[in-house]
PDB file of N, CA and C in Angstrom:
ATOM      1  N   MET A   1      11.245 -10.789 -17.325  1.00  0.00           N
ATOM      2  CA  MET A   1      10.406 -11.692 -16.574  1.00  0.00           C
ATOM      3  C   MET A   1       9.002 -11.097 -16.504  1.00  0.00           C
ATOM      4  N   ASP A   2       8.005 -11.971 -16.572  1.00  0.00           N
ATOM      5  CA  ASP A   2       6.620 -11.536 -16.423  1.00  0.00           C
ATOM      6  C   ASP A   2       6.003 -12.230 -15.206  1.00  0.00           C
ATOM      7  N   LEU A   3       4.744 -11.939 -14.949  1.00  0.00           N
ATOM      8  CA  LEU A   3       4.060 -12.475 -13.773  1.00  0.00           C
ATOM      9  C   LEU A   3       4.019 -14.000 -13.792  1.00  0.00           C
ATOM     10  N   SER A   4       3.753 -14.592 -14.947  1.00  0.00           N
ATOM     11  CA  SER A   4       3.689 -16.059 -15.048  1.00  0.00           C
ATOM     12  C   SER A   4       5.027 -16.698 -14.701  1.00  0.00           C
ATOM     13  N   GLU A   5       6.099 -16.110 -15.204  1.00  0.00           N
ATOM     14  CA  GLU A   5       7.432 -16.642 -14.909  1.00  0.00           C
ATOM     15  C   GLU A   5       7.772 -16.475 -13.430  1.00  0.00           C
ATOM     16  N   PHE A   6       7.373 -15.338 -12.860  1.00  0.00           N
ATOM     17  CA  PHE A   6       7.607 -15.093 -11.436  1.00  0.00           C
ATOM     18  C   PHE A   6       6.884 -16.146 -10.596  1.00  0.00           C
ATOM     19  N   LYS A   7       5.615 -16.379 -10.922  1.00  0.00           N
ATOM     20  CA  LYS A   7       4.837 -17.391 -10.197  1.00  0.00           C
ATOM     21  C   LYS A   7       5.430 -18.783 -10.388  1.00  0.00           C
ATOM     22  N   ALA A   8       5.872 -19.089 -11.584  1.00  0.00           N
ATOM     23  CA  ALA A   8       6.468 -20.406 -11.856  1.00  0.00           C
ATOM     24  C   ALA A   8       7.732 -20.606 -11.028  1.00  0.00           C
ATOM     25  N   SER A   9       8.517 -19.550 -10.844  1.00  0.00           N
ATOM     26  CA  SER A   9       9.738 -19.681 -10.038  1.00  0.00           C
ATOM     27  C   SER A   9       9.397 -20.006  -8.587  1.00  0.00           C
ATOM     28  N   ILE A  10       8.271 -19.496  -8.111  1.00  0.00           N
ATOM     29  CA  ILE A  10       7.818 -19.809  -6.754  1.00  0.00           C
ATOM     30  C   ILE A  10       7.437 -21.279  -6.670  1.00  0.00           C
ATOM     31  N   GLN A  11       6.695 -21.751  -7.655  1.00  0.00           N
ATOM     32  CA  GLN A  11       6.279 -23.157  -7.678  1.00  0.00           C
ATOM     33  C   GLN A  11       7.483 -24.091  -7.721  1.00  0.00           C
ATOM     34  N   LYS A  12       8.515 -23.683  -8.448  1.00  0.00           N
ATOM     35  CA  LYS A  12       9.727 -24.494  -8.555  1.00  0.00           C
ATOM     36  C   LYS A  12      10.629 -24.345  -7.338  1.00  0.00           C
ATOM     37  N   GLY A  13      10.402 -23.294  -6.550  1.00  0.00           N
ATOM     38  CA  GLY A  13      11.244 -23.040  -5.388  1.00  0.00           C
ATOM     39  C   GLY A  13      12.612 -22.498  -5.756  1.00  0.00           C
ATOM     40  N   GLN A  14      12.709 -21.879  -6.932  1.00  0.00           N
ATOM     41  CA  GLN A  14      13.984 -21.340  -7.417  1.00  0.00           C
ATOM     42  C   GLN A  14      13.873 -19.835  -7.585  1.00  0.00           C
ATOM     43  N   ILE A  15      14.421 -19.113  -6.614  1.00  0.00           N
ATOM     44  CA  ILE A  15      14.348 -17.657  -6.681  1.00  0.00           C
ATOM     45  C   ILE A  15      15.210 -17.147  -7.836  1.00  0.00           C
ATOM     46  N   PRO A  16      14.643 -16.303  -8.679  1.00  0.00           N
ATOM     47  CA  PRO A  16      15.409 -15.784  -9.820  1.00  0.00           C
ATOM     48  C   PRO A  16      16.558 -14.882  -9.365  1.00  0.00           C
ATOM     49  N   ASP A  17      17.616 -14.893 -10.116  1.00  0.00           N
ATOM     50  CA  ASP A  17      18.744 -14.001  -9.855  1.00  0.00           C
ATOM     51  C   ASP A  17      18.346 -12.563 -10.164  1.00  0.00           C
ATOM     52  N   GLY A  18      18.940 -11.633  -9.439  1.00  0.00           N
ATOM     53  CA  GLY A  18      18.816 -10.223  -9.764  1.00  0.00           C
ATOM     54  C   GLY A  18      17.537  -9.545  -9.334  1.00  0.00           C
ATOM     55  N   LEU A  19      16.752 -10.168  -8.464  1.00  0.00           N
ATOM     56  CA  LEU A  19      15.525  -9.519  -8.012  1.00  0.00           C
ATOM     57  C   LEU A  19      15.850  -8.345  -7.106  1.00  0.00           C
ATOM     58  N   THR A  20      15.022  -7.322  -7.178  1.00  0.00           N
ATOM     59  CA  THR A  20      15.128  -6.229  -6.216  1.00  0.00           C
ATOM     60  C   THR A  20      14.672  -6.746  -4.856  1.00  0.00           C
ATOM     61  N   VAL A  21      14.961  -5.998  -3.815  1.00  0.00           N
ATOM     62  CA  VAL A  21      14.547  -6.399  -2.474  1.00  0.00           C
ATOM     63  C   VAL A  21      13.019  -6.523  -2.391  1.00  0.00           C
ATOM     64  N   TYR A  22      12.309  -5.687  -3.129  1.00  0.00           N
ATOM     65  CA  TYR A  22      10.845  -5.717  -3.113  1.00  0.00           C
ATOM     66  C   TYR A  22      10.315  -7.004  -3.746  1.00  0.00           C
ATOM     67  N   LEU A  23      10.871  -7.350  -4.896  1.00  0.00           N
ATOM     68  CA  LEU A  23      10.453  -8.595  -5.554  1.00  0.00           C
ATOM     69  C   LEU A  23      10.896  -9.810  -4.754  1.00  0.00           C
ATOM     70  N   HIS A  24      12.051  -9.732  -4.115  1.00  0.00           N
ATOM     71  CA  HIS A  24      12.501 -10.829  -3.265  1.00  0.00           C
ATOM     72  C   HIS A  24      11.499 -11.034  -2.132  1.00  0.00           C
ATOM     73  N   ALA A  25      11.053  -9.936  -1.511  1.00  0.00           N
ATOM     74  CA  ALA A  25      10.067 -10.032  -0.432  1.00  0.00           C
ATOM     75  C   ALA A  25       8.748 -10.608  -0.942  1.00  0.00           C
ATOM     76  N   LEU A  26       8.307 -10.167  -2.111  1.00  0.00           N
ATOM     77  CA  LEU A  26       7.062 -10.711  -2.674  1.00  0.00           C
ATOM     78  C   LEU A  26       7.220 -12.179  -3.038  1.00  0.00           C
ATOM     79  N   TRP A  27       8.397 -12.567  -3.501  1.00  0.00           N
ATOM     80  CA  TRP A  27       8.660 -13.970  -3.809  1.00  0.00           C
ATOM     81  C   TRP A  27       8.558 -14.800  -2.523  1.00  0.00           C
ATOM     82  N   LEU A  28       9.195 -14.331  -1.468  1.00  0.00           N
ATOM     83  CA  LEU A  28       9.129 -15.053  -0.192  1.00  0.00           C
ATOM     84  C   LEU A  28       7.693 -15.135   0.320  1.00  0.00           C
ATOM     85  N   ASP A  29       6.956 -14.036   0.205  1.00  0.00           N
ATOM     86  CA  ASP A  29       5.560 -14.042   0.629  1.00  0.00           C
ATOM     87  C   ASP A  29       4.755 -15.033  -0.207  1.00  0.00           C
ATOM     88  N   GLY A  30       5.001 -15.041  -1.502  1.00  0.00           N
ATOM     89  CA  GLY A  30       4.321 -15.993  -2.378  1.00  0.00           C
ATOM     90  C   GLY A  30       4.648 -17.431  -2.030  1.00  0.00           C
ATOM     91  N   LYS A  31       5.822 -17.627  -1.481  1.00  0.00           N
ATOM     92  CA  LYS A  31       6.259 -18.962  -1.051  1.00  0.00           C
ATOM     93  C   LYS A  31       5.697 -19.322   0.316  1.00  0.00           C
ATOM     94  N   GLY A  32       5.069 -18.330   0.979  1.00  0.00           N
ATOM     95  CA  GLY A  32       4.459 -18.592   2.288  1.00  0.00           C
ATOM     96  C   GLY A  32       5.325 -18.197   3.465  1.00  0.00           C
ATOM     97  N   ASP A  33       6.396 -17.442   3.218  1.00  0.00           N
ATOM     98  CA  ASP A  33       7.281 -17.040   4.305  1.00  0.00           C
ATOM     99  C   ASP A  33       7.107 -15.549   4.597  1.00  0.00           C
ATOM    100  N   TRP A  34       5.992 -15.221   5.247  1.00  0.00           N
ATOM    101  CA  TRP A  34       5.657 -13.843   5.578  1.00  0.00           C
ATOM    102  C   TRP A  34       6.754 -13.213   6.426  1.00  0.00           C
ATOM    103  N   ASN A  35       7.264 -13.934   7.403  1.00  0.00           N
ATOM    104  CA  ASN A  35       8.268 -13.375   8.322  1.00  0.00           C
ATOM    105  C   ASN A  35       9.531 -12.932   7.594  1.00  0.00           C
ATOM    106  N   LYS A  36      10.052 -13.764   6.716  1.00  0.00           N
ATOM    107  CA  LYS A  36      11.257 -13.382   5.962  1.00  0.00           C
ATOM    108  C   LYS A  36      10.957 -12.223   5.016  1.00  0.00           C
ATOM    109  N   ALA A  37       9.778 -12.249   4.395  1.00  0.00           N
ATOM    110  CA  ALA A  37       9.392 -11.149   3.505  1.00  0.00           C
ATOM    111  C   ALA A  37       9.370  -9.840   4.288  1.00  0.00           C
ATOM    112  N   HIS A  38       8.749  -9.870   5.443  1.00  0.00           N
ATOM    113  CA  HIS A  38       8.648  -8.676   6.274  1.00  0.00           C
ATOM    114  C   HIS A  38      10.026  -8.203   6.731  1.00  0.00           C
ATOM    115  N   SER A  39      10.891  -9.132   7.093  1.00  0.00           N
ATOM    116  CA  SER A  39      12.221  -8.742   7.586  1.00  0.00           C
ATOM    117  C   SER A  39      13.073  -8.075   6.500  1.00  0.00           C
ATOM    118  N   LEU A  40      12.776  -8.354   5.244  1.00  0.00           N
ATOM    119  CA  LEU A  40      13.525  -7.714   4.161  1.00  0.00           C
ATOM    120  C   LEU A  40      13.170  -6.237   3.985  1.00  0.00           C
ATOM    121  N   ILE A  41      11.937  -5.864   4.323  1.00  0.00           N
ATOM    122  CA  ILE A  41      11.517  -4.508   4.005  1.00  0.00           C
ATOM    123  C   ILE A  41      11.169  -3.652   5.227  1.00  0.00           C
ATOM    124  N   ASP A  42      11.079  -4.255   6.407  1.00  0.00           N
ATOM    125  CA  ASP A  42      10.586  -3.487   7.557  1.00  0.00           C
ATOM    126  C   ASP A  42      11.505  -2.356   7.994  1.00  0.00           C
ATOM    127  N   HIS A  43      12.742  -2.377   7.602  1.00  0.00           N
ATOM    128  CA  HIS A  43      13.687  -1.324   7.982  1.00  0.00           C
ATOM    129  C   HIS A  43      13.896  -0.280   6.877  1.00  0.00           C
ATOM    130  N   LEU A  44      13.290  -0.479   5.717  1.00  0.00           N
ATOM    131  CA  LEU A  44      13.460   0.447   4.599  1.00  0.00           C
ATOM    132  C   LEU A  44      12.503   1.629   4.748  1.00  0.00           C
ATOM    133  N   GLU A  45      12.934   2.788   4.294  1.00  0.00           N
ATOM    134  CA  GLU A  45      12.194   4.029   4.537  1.00  0.00           C
ATOM    135  C   GLU A  45      11.453   4.598   3.331  1.00  0.00           C
ATOM    136  N   ASP A  46      11.672   4.058   2.136  1.00  0.00           N
ATOM    137  CA  ASP A  46      11.091   4.667   0.937  1.00  0.00           C
ATOM    138  C   ASP A  46       9.609   4.306   0.776  1.00  0.00           C
ATOM    139  N   ALA A  47       8.948   5.019  -0.117  1.00  0.00           N
ATOM    140  CA  ALA A  47       7.509   4.840  -0.334  1.00  0.00           C
ATOM    141  C   ALA A  47       7.178   3.446  -0.856  1.00  0.00           C
ATOM    142  N   ASP A  48       8.031   2.878  -1.706  1.00  0.00           N
ATOM    143  CA  ASP A  48       7.766   1.535  -2.216  1.00  0.00           C
ATOM    144  C   ASP A  48       7.818   0.502  -1.090  1.00  0.00           C
ATOM    145  N   ALA A  49       8.762   0.669  -0.173  1.00  0.00           N
ATOM    146  CA  ALA A  49       8.842  -0.244   0.970  1.00  0.00           C
ATOM    147  C   ALA A  49       7.610  -0.086   1.853  1.00  0.00           C
ATOM    148  N   ALA A  50       7.158   1.147   2.041  1.00  0.00           N
ATOM    149  CA  ALA A  50       5.953   1.376   2.841  1.00  0.00           C
ATOM    150  C   ALA A  50       4.735   0.714   2.190  1.00  0.00           C
ATOM    151  N   PHE A  51       4.658   0.795   0.870  1.00  0.00           N
ATOM    152  CA  PHE A  51       3.568   0.170   0.121  1.00  0.00           C
ATOM    153  C   PHE A  51       3.567  -1.344   0.337  1.00  0.00           C
ATOM    154  N   LEU A  52       4.708  -1.960   0.198  1.00  0.00           N
ATOM    155  CA  LEU A  52       4.838  -3.399   0.400  1.00  0.00           C
ATOM    156  C   LEU A  52       4.599  -3.763   1.860  1.00  0.00           C
ATOM    157  N   HIS A  53       5.099  -2.937   2.761  1.00  0.00           N
ATOM    158  CA  HIS A  53       4.900  -3.150   4.195  1.00  0.00           C
ATOM    159  C   HIS A  53       3.398  -3.135   4.521  1.00  0.00           C
ATOM    160  N   ALA A  54       2.675  -2.212   3.900  1.00  0.00           N
ATOM    161  CA  ALA A  54       1.223  -2.120   4.100  1.00  0.00           C
ATOM    162  C   ALA A  54       0.537  -3.407   3.665  1.00  0.00           C
ATOM    163  N   TYR A  55       0.883  -3.881   2.478  1.00  0.00           N
ATOM    164  CA  TYR A  55       0.299  -5.133   1.984  1.00  0.00           C
ATOM    165  C   TYR A  55       0.562  -6.276   2.963  1.00  0.00           C
ATOM    166  N   LEU A  56       1.793  -6.381   3.433  1.00  0.00           N
ATOM    167  CA  LEU A  56       2.132  -7.492   4.332  1.00  0.00           C
ATOM    168  C   LEU A  56       1.330  -7.432   5.626  1.00  0.00           C
ATOM    169  N   HIS A  57       1.149  -6.232   6.169  1.00  0.00           N
ATOM    170  CA  HIS A  57       0.360  -6.135   7.395  1.00  0.00           C
ATOM    171  C   HIS A  57      -1.126  -6.352   7.124  1.00  0.00           C
ATOM    172  N   ARG A  58      -1.585  -5.971   5.959  1.00  0.00           N
ATOM    173  CA  ARG A  58      -2.978  -6.282   5.580  1.00  0.00           C
ATOM    174  C   ARG A  58      -3.151  -7.795   5.511  1.00  0.00           C
ATOM    175  N   LYS A  59      -2.194  -8.455   4.911  1.00  0.00           N
ATOM    176  CA  LYS A  59      -2.261  -9.914   4.810  1.00  0.00           C
ATOM    177  C   LYS A  59      -2.227 -10.554   6.190  1.00  0.00           C
ATOM    178  N   GLU A  60      -1.424  -9.988   7.065  1.00  0.00           N
ATOM    179  CA  GLU A  60      -1.309 -10.498   8.433  1.00  0.00           C
ATOM    180  C   GLU A  60      -2.624 -10.326   9.205  1.00  0.00           C
ATOM    181  N   GLY A  61      -3.440  -9.379   8.766  1.00  0.00           N
ATOM    182  CA  GLY A  61      -4.696  -9.100   9.450  1.00  0.00           C
ATOM    183  C   GLY A  61      -4.606  -7.922  10.397  1.00  0.00           C
ATOM    184  N   ASP A  62      -3.468  -7.241  10.433  1.00  0.00           N
ATOM    185  CA  ASP A  62      -3.271  -6.068  11.274  1.00  0.00           C
ATOM    186  C   ASP A  62      -3.646  -4.829  10.459  1.00  0.00           C
ATOM    187  N   LEU A  63      -4.952  -4.584  10.366  1.00  0.00           N
ATOM    188  CA  LEU A  63      -5.455  -3.555   9.463  1.00  0.00           C
ATOM    189  C   LEU A  63      -5.089  -2.143   9.911  1.00  0.00           C
ATOM    190  N   GLY A  64      -4.996  -1.912  11.208  1.00  0.00           N
ATOM    191  CA  GLY A  64      -4.582  -0.599  11.693  1.00  0.00           C
ATOM    192  C   GLY A  64      -3.160  -0.281  11.258  1.00  0.00           C
ATOM    193  N   ASN A  65      -2.274  -1.227  11.423  1.00  0.00           N
ATOM    194  CA  ASN A  65      -0.883  -1.060  11.014  1.00  0.00           C
ATOM    195  C   ASN A  65      -0.798  -0.939   9.494  1.00  0.00           C
ATOM    196  N   ALA A  66      -1.577  -1.746   8.790  1.00  0.00           N
ATOM    197  CA  ALA A  66      -1.594  -1.660   7.326  1.00  0.00           C
ATOM    198  C   ALA A  66      -2.022  -0.266   6.880  1.00  0.00           C
ATOM    199  N   SER A  67      -3.056   0.287   7.508  1.00  0.00           N
ATOM    200  CA  SER A  67      -3.532   1.627   7.140  1.00  0.00           C
ATOM    201  C   SER A  67      -2.444   2.668   7.344  1.00  0.00           C
ATOM    202  N   TYR A  68      -1.707   2.543   8.425  1.00  0.00           N
ATOM    203  CA  TYR A  68      -0.595   3.450   8.680  1.00  0.00           C
ATOM    204  C   TYR A  68       0.414   3.404   7.528  1.00  0.00           C
ATOM    205  N   TRP A  69       0.778   2.186   7.111  1.00  0.00           N
ATOM    206  CA  TRP A  69       1.786   2.042   6.056  1.00  0.00           C
ATOM    207  C   TRP A  69       1.254   2.467   4.695  1.00  0.00           C
ATOM    208  N   TYR A  70      -0.037   2.250   4.420  1.00  0.00           N
ATOM    209  CA  TYR A  70      -0.604   2.764   3.165  1.00  0.00           C
ATOM    210  C   TYR A  70      -0.503   4.294   3.153  1.00  0.00           C
ATOM    211  N   ARG A  71      -0.813   4.935   4.286  1.00  0.00           N
ATOM    212  CA  ARG A  71      -0.696   6.398   4.348  1.00  0.00           C
ATOM    213  C   ARG A  71       0.745   6.835   4.130  1.00  0.00           C
ATOM    214  N   ARG A  72       1.700   6.145   4.755  1.00  0.00           N
ATOM    215  CA  ARG A  72       3.134   6.491   4.569  1.00  0.00           C
ATOM    216  C   ARG A  72       3.547   6.348   3.109  1.00  0.00           C
ATOM    217  N   ALA A  73       2.927   5.407   2.423  1.00  0.00           N
ATOM    218  CA  ALA A  73       3.240   5.184   1.010  1.00  0.00           C
ATOM    219  C   ALA A  73       2.505   6.158   0.094  1.00  0.00           C
ATOM    220  N   GLY A  74       1.569   6.922   0.661  1.00  0.00           N
ATOM    221  CA  GLY A  74       0.766   7.827  -0.160  1.00  0.00           C
ATOM    222  C   GLY A  74      -0.291   7.092  -0.962  1.00  0.00           C
ATOM    223  N   LYS A  75      -0.733   5.949  -0.454  1.00  0.00           N
ATOM    224  CA  LYS A  75      -1.720   5.110  -1.147  1.00  0.00           C
ATOM    225  C   LYS A  75      -2.946   4.927  -0.253  1.00  0.00           C
ATOM    226  N   THR A  76      -4.049   4.555  -0.870  1.00  0.00           N
ATOM    227  CA  THR A  76      -5.218   4.158  -0.100  1.00  0.00           C
ATOM    228  C   THR A  76      -5.298   2.639  -0.116  1.00  0.00           C
ATOM    229  N   LYS A  77      -5.854   2.088   0.942  1.00  0.00           N
ATOM    230  CA  LYS A  77      -5.998   0.631   1.012  1.00  0.00           C
ATOM    231  C   LYS A  77      -6.882   0.190  -0.149  1.00  0.00           C
ATOM    232  N   PRO A  78      -6.397  -0.741  -0.949  1.00  0.00           N
ATOM    233  CA  PRO A  78      -7.175  -1.157  -2.123  1.00  0.00           C
ATOM    234  C   PRO A  78      -8.412  -1.953  -1.721  1.00  0.00           C
ATOM    235  N   ASN A  79      -9.400  -1.881  -2.560  1.00  0.00           N
ATOM    236  CA  ASN A  79     -10.643  -2.613  -2.339  1.00  0.00           C
ATOM    237  C   ASN A  79     -10.651  -3.862  -3.223  1.00  0.00           C
ATOM    238  N   ILE A  80      -9.576  -4.636  -3.115  1.00  0.00           N
ATOM    239  CA  ILE A  80      -9.418  -5.873  -3.887  1.00  0.00           C
ATOM    240  C   ILE A  80      -8.902  -6.950  -2.939  1.00  0.00           C
ATOM    241  N   GLY A  81      -8.923  -8.170  -3.385  1.00  0.00           N
ATOM    242  CA  GLY A  81      -8.409  -9.274  -2.582  1.00  0.00           C
ATOM    243  C   GLY A  81      -6.895  -9.253  -2.485  1.00  0.00           C
ATOM    244  N   LEU A  82      -6.388  -9.991  -1.522  1.00  0.00           N
ATOM    245  CA  LEU A  82      -4.944 -10.049  -1.301  1.00  0.00           C
ATOM    246  C   LEU A  82      -4.192 -10.657  -2.476  1.00  0.00           C
ATOM    247  N   VAL A  83      -4.759 -11.665  -3.107  1.00  0.00           N
ATOM    248  CA  VAL A  83      -4.087 -12.289  -4.257  1.00  0.00           C
ATOM    249  C   VAL A  83      -3.950 -11.281  -5.388  1.00  0.00           C
ATOM    250  N   GLU A  84      -5.022 -10.551  -5.655  1.00  0.00           N
ATOM    251  CA  GLU A  84      -4.975  -9.555  -6.720  1.00  0.00           C
ATOM    252  C   GLU A  84      -3.994  -8.431  -6.376  1.00  0.00           C
ATOM    253  N   GLU A  85      -3.988  -8.009  -5.109  1.00  0.00           N
ATOM    254  CA  GLU A  85      -3.037  -6.970  -4.716  1.00  0.00           C
ATOM    255  C   GLU A  85      -1.601  -7.464  -4.875  1.00  0.00           C
ATOM    256  N   TRP A  86      -1.337  -8.713  -4.460  1.00  0.00           N
ATOM    257  CA  TRP A  86      -0.003  -9.289  -4.606  1.00  0.00           C
ATOM    258  C   TRP A  86       0.416  -9.284  -6.075  1.00  0.00           C
ATOM    259  N   GLU A  87      -0.477  -9.726  -6.947  1.00  0.00           N
ATOM    260  CA  GLU A  87      -0.166  -9.758  -8.380  1.00  0.00           C
ATOM    261  C   GLU A  87       0.104  -8.362  -8.926  1.00  0.00           C
ATOM    262  N   GLN A  88      -0.705  -7.388  -8.524  1.00  0.00           N
ATOM    263  CA  GLN A  88      -0.496  -6.018  -8.989  1.00  0.00           C
ATOM    264  C   GLN A  88       0.850  -5.479  -8.499  1.00  0.00           C
ATOM    265  N   MET A  89       1.207  -5.827  -7.268  1.00  0.00           N
ATOM    266  CA  MET A  89       2.488  -5.365  -6.739  1.00  0.00           C
ATOM    267  C   MET A  89       3.650  -6.025  -7.484  1.00  0.00           C
ATOM    268  N   VAL A  90       3.536  -7.305  -7.773  1.00  0.00           N
ATOM    269  CA  VAL A  90       4.583  -7.977  -8.546  1.00  0.00           C
ATOM    270  C   VAL A  90       4.735  -7.287  -9.896  1.00  0.00           C
ATOM    271  N   LEU A  91       3.643  -7.030 -10.574  1.00  0.00           N
ATOM    272  CA  LEU A  91       3.705  -6.348 -11.874  1.00  0.00           C
ATOM    273  C   LEU A  91       4.336  -4.961 -11.747  1.00  0.00           C
ATOM    274  N   TYR A  92       3.950  -4.229 -10.721  1.00  0.00           N
ATOM    275  CA  TYR A  92       4.505  -2.895 -10.487  1.00  0.00           C
ATOM    276  C   TYR A  92       6.024  -2.966 -10.304  1.00  0.00           C
ATOM    277  N   PHE A  93       6.478  -3.881  -9.450  1.00  0.00           N
ATOM    278  CA  PHE A  93       7.921  -3.967  -9.171  1.00  0.00           C
ATOM    279  C   PHE A  93       8.708  -4.597 -10.331  1.00  0.00           C
ATOM    280  N   LEU A  94       8.081  -5.473 -11.083  1.00  0.00           N
ATOM    281  CA  LEU A  94       8.750  -5.987 -12.283  1.00  0.00           C
ATOM    282  C   LEU A  94       8.975  -4.857 -13.290  1.00  0.00           C
ATOM    283  N   GLU A  95       7.969  -4.005 -13.445  1.00  0.00           N
ATOM    284  CA  GLU A  95       8.088  -2.870 -14.362  1.00  0.00           C
ATOM    285  C   GLU A  95       9.173  -1.912 -13.895  1.00  0.00           C
ATOM    286  N   LYS A  96       9.203  -1.645 -12.593  1.00  0.00           N
ATOM    287  CA  LYS A  96      10.242  -0.747 -12.057  1.00  0.00           C
ATOM    288  C   LYS A  96      11.643  -1.328 -12.248  1.00  0.00           C
ATOM    289  N   MET A  97      11.747  -2.640 -12.216  1.00  0.00           N
ATOM    290  CA  MET A  97      13.051  -3.279 -12.386  1.00  0.00           C
ATOM    291  C   MET A  97      13.592  -3.039 -13.791  1.00  0.00           C
ATOM    292  N   LYS A  98      12.695  -2.838 -14.754  1.00  0.00           N
ATOM    293  CA  LYS A  98      13.105  -2.613 -16.148  1.00  0.00           C
ATOM    294  C   LYS A  98      13.624  -1.186 -16.369  1.00  0.00           C
ATOM    295  N   GLU A  99      13.273  -0.275 -15.468  1.00  0.00           N
ATOM    296  CA  GLU A  99      13.643   1.142 -15.639  1.00  0.00           C
ATOM    297  C   GLU A  99      15.133   1.351 -15.481  1.00  0.00           C
TER     298      GLU A  99
END
């Protein structure tokens, strides 16, 4: 699966089979369901979950909380728009799914 196919599945409202929890959360966020996306990852402890958690709080507008989660992930807050960050995260997690 690539980014175009991932986005198309959102438009169709058909979540692809076999997504990781991270991609599932990004799919839900792309569909406009921030709360469900957040509930999938807010209890996870790994760096990838912290990275995604940071993005979600940045999107929410809670920049202090987002900064905390970027630090937990070992990342700096990106200087790009939310759409671009979402796309980069989808690409990152799609690549990890292939490993």
